[in-house]
PDB file of N, CA and C in Angstrom:
ATOM      1  N   MET A   1      -2.266   8.996 -23.364  1.00  0.00           N
ATOM      2  CA  MET A   1      -1.265   7.970 -23.603  1.00  0.00           C
ATOM      3  C   MET A   1      -0.639   7.620 -22.256  1.00  0.00           C
ATOM      4  N   ILE A   2      -0.462   6.323 -22.012  1.00  0.00           N
ATOM      5  CA  ILE A   2       0.176   5.865 -20.827  1.00  0.00           C
ATOM      6  C   ILE A   2       1.693   5.888 -21.022  1.00  0.00           C
ATOM      7  N   LYS A   3       2.348   6.644 -20.106  1.00  0.00           N
ATOM      8  CA  LYS A   3       3.797   6.772 -20.182  1.00  0.00           C
ATOM      9  C   LYS A   3       4.506   5.837 -19.265  1.00  0.00           C
ATOM     10  N   ASP A   4       3.872   5.527 -18.145  1.00  0.00           N
ATOM     11  CA  ASP A   4       4.584   4.705 -17.120  1.00  0.00           C
ATOM     12  C   ASP A   4       3.500   3.991 -16.282  1.00  0.00           C
ATOM     13  N   LEU A   5       3.788   2.775 -15.939  1.00  0.00           N
ATOM     14  CA  LEU A   5       2.956   2.008 -15.036  1.00  0.00           C
ATOM     15  C   LEU A   5       3.615   1.905 -13.711  1.00  0.00           C
ATOM     16  N   LYS A   6       3.031   2.386 -12.643  1.00  0.00           N
ATOM     17  CA  LYS A   6       3.613   2.408 -11.352  1.00  0.00           C
ATOM     18  C   LYS A   6       2.529   2.140 -10.334  1.00  0.00           C
ATOM     19  N   PRO A   7       2.703   1.195  -9.449  1.00  0.00           N
ATOM     20  CA  PRO A   7       1.677   0.951  -8.428  1.00  0.00           C
ATOM     21  C   PRO A   7       1.589   2.119  -7.476  1.00  0.00           C
ATOM     22  N   LEU A   8       0.360   2.593  -7.165  1.00  0.00           N
ATOM     23  CA  LEU A   8       0.152   3.698  -6.252  1.00  0.00           C
ATOM     24  C   LEU A   8      -0.796   3.290  -5.103  1.00  0.00           C
ATOM     25  N   THR A   9      -0.560   3.814  -3.940  1.00  0.00           N
ATOM     26  CA  THR A   9      -1.483   3.567  -2.842  1.00  0.00           C
ATOM     27  C   THR A   9      -2.758   4.387  -3.105  1.00  0.00           C
ATOM     28  N   MET A  10      -3.807   4.063  -2.446  1.00  0.00           N
ATOM     29  CA  MET A  10      -5.075   4.823  -2.622  1.00  0.00           C
ATOM     30  C   MET A  10      -4.891   6.265  -2.208  1.00  0.00           C
ATOM     31  N   ALA A  11      -4.101   6.575  -1.187  1.00  0.00           N
ATOM     32  CA  ALA A  11      -3.852   7.923  -0.816  1.00  0.00           C
ATOM     33  C   ALA A  11      -3.151   8.700  -1.899  1.00  0.00           C
ATOM     34  N   GLU A  12      -2.220   8.036  -2.590  1.00  0.00           N
ATOM     35  CA  GLU A  12      -1.507   8.709  -3.705  1.00  0.00           C
ATOM     36  C   GLU A  12      -2.431   8.955  -4.895  1.00  0.00           C
ATOM     37  N   VAL A  13      -3.314   8.033  -5.165  1.00  0.00           N
ATOM     38  CA  VAL A  13      -4.285   8.186  -6.225  1.00  0.00           C
ATOM     39  C   VAL A  13      -5.206   9.386  -5.891  1.00  0.00           C
ATOM     40  N   ALA A  14      -5.700   9.435  -4.701  1.00  0.00           N
ATOM     41  CA  ALA A  14      -6.595  10.508  -4.284  1.00  0.00           C
ATOM     42  C   ALA A  14      -5.901  11.896  -4.499  1.00  0.00           C
ATOM     43  N   GLU A  15      -4.624  11.948  -4.258  1.00  0.00           N
ATOM     44  CA  GLU A  15      -3.853  13.190  -4.419  1.00  0.00           C
ATOM     45  C   GLU A  15      -3.698  13.581  -5.866  1.00  0.00           C
ATOM     46  N   LEU A  16      -3.665  12.608  -6.788  1.00  0.00           N
ATOM     47  CA  LEU A  16      -3.394  12.860  -8.200  1.00  0.00           C
ATOM     48  C   LEU A  16      -4.638  13.214  -9.018  1.00  0.00           C
ATOM     49  N   VAL A  17      -5.853  12.803  -8.563  1.00  0.00           N
ATOM     50  CA  VAL A  17      -7.025  13.083  -9.403  1.00  0.00           C
ATOM     51  C   VAL A  17      -7.325  14.555  -9.496  1.00  0.00           C
ATOM     52  N   ASP A  18      -7.921  14.954 -10.622  1.00  0.00           N
ATOM     53  CA  ASP A  18      -8.283  16.332 -10.860  1.00  0.00           C
ATOM     54  C   ASP A  18      -9.337  16.859  -9.892  1.00  0.00           C
ATOM     55  N   LYS A  19      -9.704  18.096 -10.127  1.00  0.00           N
ATOM     56  CA  LYS A  19     -10.711  18.791  -9.297  1.00  0.00           C
ATOM     57  C   LYS A  19     -12.078  18.786  -9.966  1.00  0.00           C
ATOM     58  N   THR A  20     -12.349  17.962 -10.973  1.00  0.00           N
ATOM     59  CA  THR A  20     -13.631  17.856 -11.570  1.00  0.00           C
ATOM     60  C   THR A  20     -14.644  17.159 -10.663  1.00  0.00           C
ATOM     61  N   GLU A  21     -15.946  17.270 -11.007  1.00  0.00           N
ATOM     62  CA  GLU A  21     -16.965  16.613 -10.194  1.00  0.00           C
ATOM     63  C   GLU A  21     -16.797  15.126 -10.044  1.00  0.00           C
ATOM     64  N   LYS A  22     -16.475  14.503 -11.213  1.00  0.00           N
ATOM     65  CA  LYS A  22     -16.250  13.027 -11.220  1.00  0.00           C
ATOM     66  C   LYS A  22     -15.038  12.673 -10.347  1.00  0.00           C
ATOM     67  N   ALA A  23     -14.020  13.508 -10.425  1.00  0.00           N
ATOM     68  CA  ALA A  23     -12.797  13.263  -9.649  1.00  0.00           C
ATOM     69  C   ALA A  23     -13.110  13.394  -8.138  1.00  0.00           C
ATOM     70  N   GLU A  24     -13.928  14.367  -7.792  1.00  0.00           N
ATOM     71  CA  GLU A  24     -14.292  14.527  -6.370  1.00  0.00           C
ATOM     72  C   GLU A  24     -15.050  13.310  -5.861  1.00  0.00           C
ATOM     73  N   LYS A  25     -15.893  12.709  -6.705  1.00  0.00           N
ATOM     74  CA  LYS A  25     -16.597  11.509  -6.336  1.00  0.00           C
ATOM     75  C   LYS A  25     -15.604  10.342  -6.111  1.00  0.00           C
ATOM     76  N   ALA A  26     -14.635  10.313  -6.994  1.00  0.00           N
ATOM     77  CA  ALA A  26     -13.595   9.291  -6.850  1.00  0.00           C
ATOM     78  C   ALA A  26     -12.791   9.437  -5.555  1.00  0.00           C
ATOM     79  N   LYS A  27     -12.470  10.687  -5.222  1.00  0.00           N
ATOM     80  CA  LYS A  27     -11.725  10.992  -3.966  1.00  0.00           C
ATOM     81  C   LYS A  27     -12.535  10.554  -2.753  1.00  0.00           C
ATOM     82  N   VAL A  28     -13.838  10.877  -2.761  1.00  0.00           N
ATOM     83  CA  VAL A  28     -14.671  10.489  -1.633  1.00  0.00           C
ATOM     84  C   VAL A  28     -14.708   8.966  -1.490  1.00  0.00           C
ATOM     85  N   PHE A  29     -14.855   8.232  -2.640  1.00  0.00           N
ATOM     86  CA  PHE A  29     -14.803   6.808  -2.600  1.00  0.00           C
ATOM     87  C   PHE A  29     -13.478   6.266  -2.035  1.00  0.00           C
ATOM     88  N   ILE A  30     -12.372   6.784  -2.531  1.00  0.00           N
ATOM     89  CA  ILE A  30     -11.057   6.311  -2.121  1.00  0.00           C
ATOM     90  C   ILE A  30     -10.870   6.597  -0.614  1.00  0.00           C
ATOM     91  N   LYS A  31     -11.266   7.743  -0.150  1.00  0.00           N
ATOM     92  CA  LYS A  31     -11.094   8.085   1.260  1.00  0.00           C
ATOM     93  C   LYS A  31     -11.897   7.198   2.146  1.00  0.00           C
ATOM     94  N   LYS A  32     -12.957   6.588   1.713  1.00  0.00           N
ATOM     95  CA  LYS A  32     -13.749   5.660   2.524  1.00  0.00           C
ATOM     96  C   LYS A  32     -12.915   4.387   2.833  1.00  0.00           C
ATOM     97  N   PHE A  33     -12.053   4.008   1.883  1.00  0.00           N
ATOM     98  CA  PHE A  33     -11.322   2.784   2.031  1.00  0.00           C
ATOM     99  C   PHE A  33      -9.838   2.968   2.417  1.00  0.00           C
ATOM    100  N   ALA A  34      -9.274   4.067   2.170  1.00  0.00           N
ATOM    101  CA  ALA A  34      -7.842   4.319   2.476  1.00  0.00           C
ATOM    102  C   ALA A  34      -7.697   4.427   3.981  1.00  0.00           C
ATOM    103  N   LYS A  35      -6.791   3.641   4.507  1.00  0.00           N
ATOM    104  CA  LYS A  35      -6.599   3.619   5.964  1.00  0.00           C
ATOM    105  C   LYS A  35      -5.544   4.625   6.458  1.00  0.00           C
ATOM    106  N   LEU A  36      -4.742   5.058   5.558  1.00  0.00           N
ATOM    107  CA  LEU A  36      -3.689   6.034   5.913  1.00  0.00           C
ATOM    108  C   LEU A  36      -3.813   7.236   5.023  1.00  0.00           C
ATOM    109  N   ASN A  37      -3.308   8.359   5.528  1.00  0.00           N
ATOM    110  CA  ASN A  37      -3.317   9.576   4.688  1.00  0.00           C
ATOM    111  C   ASN A  37      -2.063   9.484   3.794  1.00  0.00           C
ATOM    112  N   LEU A  38      -1.858  10.472   2.933  1.00  0.00           N
ATOM    113  CA  LEU A  38      -0.800  10.460   1.964  1.00  0.00           C
ATOM    114  C   LEU A  38       0.588  10.376   2.609  1.00  0.00           C
ATOM    115  N   GLU A  39       0.785  11.217   3.588  1.00  0.00           N
ATOM    116  CA  GLU A  39       2.091  11.241   4.276  1.00  0.00           C
ATOM    117  C   GLU A  39       2.407   9.896   4.943  1.00  0.00           C
ATOM    118  N   GLU A  40       1.445   9.365   5.654  1.00  0.00           N
ATOM    119  CA  GLU A  40       1.616   8.083   6.314  1.00  0.00           C
ATOM    120  C   GLU A  40       1.878   6.966   5.349  1.00  0.00           C
ATOM    121  N   SER A  41       1.105   6.943   4.248  1.00  0.00           N
ATOM    122  CA  SER A  41       1.279   5.875   3.249  1.00  0.00           C
ATOM    123  C   SER A  41       2.660   5.930   2.591  1.00  0.00           C
ATOM    124  N   LYS A  42       3.126   7.084   2.319  1.00  0.00           N
ATOM    125  CA  LYS A  42       4.503   7.251   1.721  1.00  0.00           C
ATOM    126  C   LYS A  42       5.587   6.745   2.714  1.00  0.00           C
ATOM    127  N   LYS A  43       5.397   7.111   3.944  1.00  0.00           N
ATOM    128  CA  LYS A  43       6.387   6.729   4.990  1.00  0.00           C
ATOM    129  C   LYS A  43       6.335   5.228   5.199  1.00  0.00           C
ATOM    130  N   MET A  44       5.160   4.654   5.261  1.00  0.00           N
ATOM    131  CA  MET A  44       5.047   3.201   5.457  1.00  0.00           C
ATOM    132  C   MET A  44       5.658   2.444   4.259  1.00  0.00           C
ATOM    133  N   LYS A  45       5.392   2.926   3.061  1.00  0.00           N
ATOM    134  CA  LYS A  45       5.947   2.297   1.855  1.00  0.00           C
ATOM    135  C   LYS A  45       7.510   2.347   1.914  1.00  0.00           C
ATOM    136  N   LYS A  46       8.048   3.461   2.378  1.00  0.00           N
ATOM    137  CA  LYS A  46       9.481   3.660   2.523  1.00  0.00           C
ATOM    138  C   LYS A  46      10.034   2.705   3.540  1.00  0.00           C
ATOM    139  N   ASP A  47       9.294   2.545   4.672  1.00  0.00           N
ATOM    140  CA  ASP A  47       9.739   1.672   5.720  1.00  0.00           C
ATOM    141  C   ASP A  47       9.738   0.183   5.207  1.00  0.00           C
ATOM    142  N   LEU A  48       8.739  -0.164   4.419  1.00  0.00           N
ATOM    143  CA  LEU A  48       8.711  -1.521   3.830  1.00  0.00           C
ATOM    144  C   LEU A  48       9.887  -1.718   2.892  1.00  0.00           C
ATOM    145  N   GLN A  49      10.211  -0.718   2.071  1.00  0.00           N
ATOM    146  CA  GLN A  49      11.365  -0.825   1.165  1.00  0.00           C
ATOM    147  C   GLN A  49      12.638  -1.063   1.910  1.00  0.00           C
ATOM    148  N   GLU A  50      12.799  -0.408   3.028  1.00  0.00           N
ATOM    149  CA  GLU A  50      14.029  -0.499   3.774  1.00  0.00           C
ATOM    150  C   GLU A  50      14.227  -1.850   4.467  1.00  0.00           C
ATOM    151  N   LEU A  51      13.170  -2.648   4.549  1.00  0.00           N
ATOM    152  CA  LEU A  51      13.270  -3.979   5.143  1.00  0.00           C
ATOM    153  C   LEU A  51      14.129  -4.911   4.354  1.00  0.00           C
ATOM    154  N   GLY A  52      14.211  -4.699   3.059  1.00  0.00           N
ATOM    155  CA  GLY A  52      15.036  -5.595   2.192  1.00  0.00           C
ATOM    156  C   GLY A  52      14.405  -6.971   1.993  1.00  0.00           C
ATOM    157  N   THR A  53      13.051  -7.048   2.041  1.00  0.00           N
ATOM    158  CA  THR A  53      12.413  -8.339   1.830  1.00  0.00           C
ATOM    159  C   THR A  53      12.227  -8.523   0.319  1.00  0.00           C
ATOM    160  N   LYS A  54      11.641  -9.662  -0.043  1.00  0.00           N
ATOM    161  CA  LYS A  54      11.344 -10.006  -1.414  1.00  0.00           C
ATOM    162  C   LYS A  54      10.141  -9.285  -2.026  1.00  0.00           C
ATOM    163  N   LEU A  55       9.499  -8.475  -1.229  1.00  0.00           N
ATOM    164  CA  LEU A  55       8.357  -7.722  -1.692  1.00  0.00           C
ATOM    165  C   LEU A  55       8.677  -6.792  -2.858  1.00  0.00           C
ATOM    166  N   ASN A  56       7.881  -6.816  -3.909  1.00  0.00           N
ATOM    167  CA  ASN A  56       8.038  -5.894  -4.989  1.00  0.00           C
ATOM    168  C   ASN A  56       7.210  -4.623  -4.641  1.00  0.00           C
ATOM    169  N   GLU A  57       7.274  -3.648  -5.443  1.00  0.00           N
ATOM    170  CA  GLU A  57       6.551  -2.367  -5.199  1.00  0.00           C
ATOM    171  C   GLU A  57       5.045  -2.601  -5.099  1.00  0.00           C
ATOM    172  N   GLU A  58       4.522  -3.453  -6.017  1.00  0.00           N
ATOM    173  CA  GLU A  58       3.095  -3.748  -6.024  1.00  0.00           C
ATOM    174  C   GLU A  58       2.667  -4.372  -4.712  1.00  0.00           C
ATOM    175  N   GLY A  59       3.467  -5.287  -4.199  1.00  0.00           N
ATOM    176  CA  GLY A  59       3.138  -5.948  -2.920  1.00  0.00           C
ATOM    177  C   GLY A  59       3.179  -4.922  -1.775  1.00  0.00           C
ATOM    178  N   MET A  60       4.151  -4.035  -1.798  1.00  0.00           N
ATOM    179  CA  MET A  60       4.153  -3.007  -0.781  1.00  0.00           C
ATOM    180  C   MET A  60       2.947  -2.109  -0.782  1.00  0.00           C
ATOM    181  N   VAL A  61       2.508  -1.754  -1.981  1.00  0.00           N
ATOM    182  CA  VAL A  61       1.304  -0.860  -2.089  1.00  0.00           C
ATOM    183  C   VAL A  61       0.102  -1.632  -1.566  1.00  0.00           C
ATOM    184  N   LYS A  62      -0.014  -2.914  -1.877  1.00  0.00           N
ATOM    185  CA  LYS A  62      -1.167  -3.710  -1.345  1.00  0.00           C
ATOM    186  C   LYS A  62      -1.149  -3.754   0.157  1.00  0.00           C
ATOM    187  N   ILE A  63       0.018  -3.952   0.739  1.00  0.00           N
ATOM    188  CA  ILE A  63       0.107  -3.958   2.201  1.00  0.00           C
ATOM    189  C   ILE A  63      -0.276  -2.635   2.817  1.00  0.00           C
ATOM    190  N   VAL A  64       0.194  -1.549   2.214  1.00  0.00           N
ATOM    191  CA  VAL A  64      -0.177  -0.189   2.669  1.00  0.00           C
ATOM    192  C   VAL A  64      -1.703   0.040   2.601  1.00  0.00           C
ATOM    193  N   ASP A  65      -2.299  -0.384   1.484  1.00  0.00           N
ATOM    194  CA  ASP A  65      -3.713  -0.187   1.294  1.00  0.00           C
ATOM    195  C   ASP A  65      -4.569  -1.088   2.149  1.00  0.00           C
ATOM    196  N   PHE A  66      -4.209  -2.343   2.325  1.00  0.00           N
ATOM    197  CA  PHE A  66      -5.049  -3.262   3.044  1.00  0.00           C
ATOM    198  C   PHE A  66      -4.681  -3.434   4.507  1.00  0.00           C
ATOM    199  N   MET A  67      -3.491  -3.066   4.927  1.00  0.00           N
ATOM    200  CA  MET A  67      -3.035  -3.186   6.282  1.00  0.00           C
ATOM    201  C   MET A  67      -3.407  -4.506   6.983  1.00  0.00           C
ATOM    202  N   PRO A  68      -2.914  -5.602   6.392  1.00  0.00           N
ATOM    203  CA  PRO A  68      -3.229  -6.948   6.987  1.00  0.00           C
ATOM    204  C   PRO A  68      -2.758  -7.016   8.450  1.00  0.00           C
ATOM    205  N   GLU A  69      -3.496  -7.780   9.203  1.00  0.00           N
ATOM    206  CA  GLU A  69      -3.229  -7.856  10.634  1.00  0.00           C
ATOM    207  C   GLU A  69      -2.405  -9.099  11.047  1.00  0.00           C
ATOM    208  N   ASP A  70      -2.259 -10.048  10.140  1.00  0.00           N
ATOM    209  CA  ASP A  70      -1.564 -11.276  10.430  1.00  0.00           C
ATOM    210  C   ASP A  70      -0.820 -11.809   9.224  1.00  0.00           C
ATOM    211  N   ALA A  71      -0.095 -12.870   9.479  1.00  0.00           N
ATOM    212  CA  ALA A  71       0.707 -13.491   8.413  1.00  0.00           C
ATOM    213  C   ALA A  71      -0.159 -13.946   7.244  1.00  0.00           C
ATOM    214  N   GLU A  72      -1.291 -14.570   7.597  1.00  0.00           N
ATOM    215  CA  GLU A  72      -2.217 -15.071   6.589  1.00  0.00           C
ATOM    216  C   GLU A  72      -2.684 -13.962   5.646  1.00  0.00           C
ATOM    217  N   GLY A  73      -2.968 -12.806   6.199  1.00  0.00           N
ATOM    218  CA  GLY A  73      -3.408 -11.648   5.451  1.00  0.00           C
ATOM    219  C   GLY A  73      -2.297 -11.195   4.438  1.00  0.00           C
ATOM    220  N   ILE A  74      -1.053 -11.237   4.907  1.00  0.00           N
ATOM    221  CA  ILE A  74       0.071 -10.851   4.061  1.00  0.00           C
ATOM    222  C   ILE A  74       0.206 -11.843   2.897  1.00  0.00           C
ATOM    223  N   ILE A  75       0.116 -13.118   3.223  1.00  0.00           N
ATOM    224  CA  ILE A  75       0.230 -14.104   2.197  1.00  0.00           C
ATOM    225  C   ILE A  75      -0.842 -14.050   1.164  1.00  0.00           C
ATOM    226  N   LYS A  76      -2.094 -13.759   1.646  1.00  0.00           N
ATOM    227  CA  LYS A  76      -3.197 -13.678   0.693  1.00  0.00           C
ATOM    228  C   LYS A  76      -3.090 -12.547  -0.275  1.00  0.00           C
ATOM    229  N   ILE A  77      -2.555 -11.399   0.110  1.00  0.00           N
ATOM    230  CA  ILE A  77      -2.488 -10.238  -0.801  1.00  0.00           C
ATOM    231  C   ILE A  77      -1.156 -10.220  -1.564  1.00  0.00           C
ATOM    232  N   THR A  78      -0.228 -11.094  -1.203  1.00  0.00           N
ATOM    233  CA  THR A  78       1.005 -11.134  -2.016  1.00  0.00           C
ATOM    234  C   THR A  78       1.312 -12.593  -2.452  1.00  0.00           C
ATOM    235  N   PRO A  79       0.361 -13.234  -3.181  1.00  0.00           N
ATOM    236  CA  PRO A  79       0.508 -14.639  -3.514  1.00  0.00           C
ATOM    237  C   PRO A  79       1.672 -14.948  -4.454  1.00  0.00           C
ATOM    238  N   ASP A  80       2.167 -13.932  -5.225  1.00  0.00           N
ATOM    239  CA  ASP A  80       3.227 -14.194  -6.135  1.00  0.00           C
ATOM    240  C   ASP A  80       4.574 -14.058  -5.553  1.00  0.00           C
ATOM    241  N   THR A  81       4.643 -13.724  -4.196  1.00  0.00           N
ATOM    242  CA  THR A  81       5.946 -13.539  -3.518  1.00  0.00           C
ATOM    243  C   THR A  81       5.990 -14.602  -2.390  1.00  0.00           C
ATOM    244  N   SER A  82       7.093 -15.316  -2.361  1.00  0.00           N
ATOM    245  CA  SER A  82       7.266 -16.315  -1.304  1.00  0.00           C
ATOM    246  C   SER A  82       8.154 -15.712  -0.216  1.00  0.00           C
ATOM    247  N   LEU A  83       7.423 -15.196   0.790  1.00  0.00           N
ATOM    248  CA  LEU A  83       8.107 -14.589   1.956  1.00  0.00           C
ATOM    249  C   LEU A  83       8.350 -15.621   3.006  1.00  0.00           C
ATOM    250  N   ASP A  84       9.522 -15.575   3.658  1.00  0.00           N
ATOM    251  CA  ASP A  84       9.688 -16.483   4.806  1.00  0.00           C
ATOM    252  C   ASP A  84       9.169 -15.878   6.067  1.00  0.00           C
ATOM    253  N   GLN A  85       9.110 -16.609   7.131  1.00  0.00           N
ATOM    254  CA  GLN A  85       8.481 -16.172   8.364  1.00  0.00           C
ATOM    255  C   GLN A  85       9.140 -14.909   8.959  1.00  0.00           C
ATOM    256  N   ASP A  86      10.467 -14.858   8.839  1.00  0.00           N
ATOM    257  CA  ASP A  86      11.199 -13.703   9.336  1.00  0.00           C
ATOM    258  C   ASP A  86      10.800 -12.441   8.611  1.00  0.00           C
ATOM    259  N   GLU A  87      10.621 -12.500   7.270  1.00  0.00           N
ATOM    260  CA  GLU A  87      10.201 -11.373   6.483  1.00  0.00           C
ATOM    261  C   GLU A  87       8.831 -10.945   6.841  1.00  0.00           C
ATOM    262  N   ILE A  88       7.923 -11.910   7.029  1.00  0.00           N
ATOM    263  CA  ILE A  88       6.532 -11.646   7.396  1.00  0.00           C
ATOM    264  C   ILE A  88       6.488 -10.942   8.754  1.00  0.00           C
ATOM    265  N   ASN A  89       7.258 -11.414   9.709  1.00  0.00           N
ATOM    266  CA  ASN A  89       7.326 -10.789  10.987  1.00  0.00           C
ATOM    267  C   ASN A  89       7.785  -9.337  10.920  1.00  0.00           C
ATOM    268  N   LYS A  90       8.810  -9.059  10.109  1.00  0.00           N
ATOM    269  CA  LYS A  90       9.276  -7.736   9.910  1.00  0.00           C
ATOM    270  C   LYS A  90       8.223  -6.800   9.308  1.00  0.00           C
ATOM    271  N   ILE A  91       7.479  -7.343   8.347  1.00  0.00           N
ATOM    272  CA  ILE A  91       6.420  -6.567   7.709  1.00  0.00           C
ATOM    273  C   ILE A  91       5.339  -6.264   8.737  1.00  0.00           C
ATOM    274  N   LEU A  92       4.944  -7.255   9.589  1.00  0.00           N
ATOM    275  CA  LEU A  92       3.938  -7.059  10.593  1.00  0.00           C
ATOM    276  C   LEU A  92       4.370  -5.977  11.568  1.00  0.00           C
ATOM    277  N   GLU A  93       5.681  -5.954  11.927  1.00  0.00           N
ATOM    278  CA  GLU A  93       6.137  -4.916  12.862  1.00  0.00           C
ATOM    279  C   GLU A  93       5.942  -3.495  12.201  1.00  0.00           C
ATOM    280  N   VAL A  94       6.253  -3.388  10.950  1.00  0.00           N
ATOM    281  CA  VAL A  94       6.048  -2.086  10.282  1.00  0.00           C
ATOM    282  C   VAL A  94       4.570  -1.712  10.309  1.00  0.00           C
ATOM    283  N   ILE A  95       3.708  -2.636  10.021  1.00  0.00           N
ATOM    284  CA  ILE A  95       2.257  -2.371   9.996  1.00  0.00           C
ATOM    285  C   ILE A  95       1.825  -1.895  11.352  1.00  0.00           C
ATOM    286  N   LYS A  96       2.299  -2.533  12.435  1.00  0.00           N
ATOM    287  CA  LYS A  96       1.854  -2.184  13.798  1.00  0.00           C
ATOM    288  C   LYS A  96       2.178  -0.719  14.130  1.00  0.00           C
ATOM    289  N   LYS A  97       3.177  -0.150  13.491  1.00  0.00           N
ATOM    290  CA  LYS A  97       3.535   1.248  13.757  1.00  0.00           C
ATOM    291  C   LYS A  97       2.478   2.215  13.232  1.00  0.00           C
ATOM    292  N   TYR A  98       1.659   1.736  12.347  1.00  0.00           N
ATOM    293  CA  TYR A  98       0.680   2.636  11.682  1.00  0.00           C
ATOM    294  C   TYR A  98      -0.750   2.258  12.067  1.00  0.00           C
TER     295      TYR A  98
END
């Protein structure tokens, strides 16, 4: 039964899966695409939250997972959020730290 829906980064998902053979295959798959480890992804998500932008948690998770390199990339992965240029610049500065 689903108790709660919460967006998670790929690193967080890899940490939560069980130790079964299928879970290990999932972890290998996730690690191929995850750009940050668990600690870095949590810290980056926290840094994005502290910016005070219009990004919701789902948008922050997408940014952590995809690590867009420019404004266009941010806009593409957060189409439901209208960010102004100042907010985009702040987000890009956070991304550059990682």
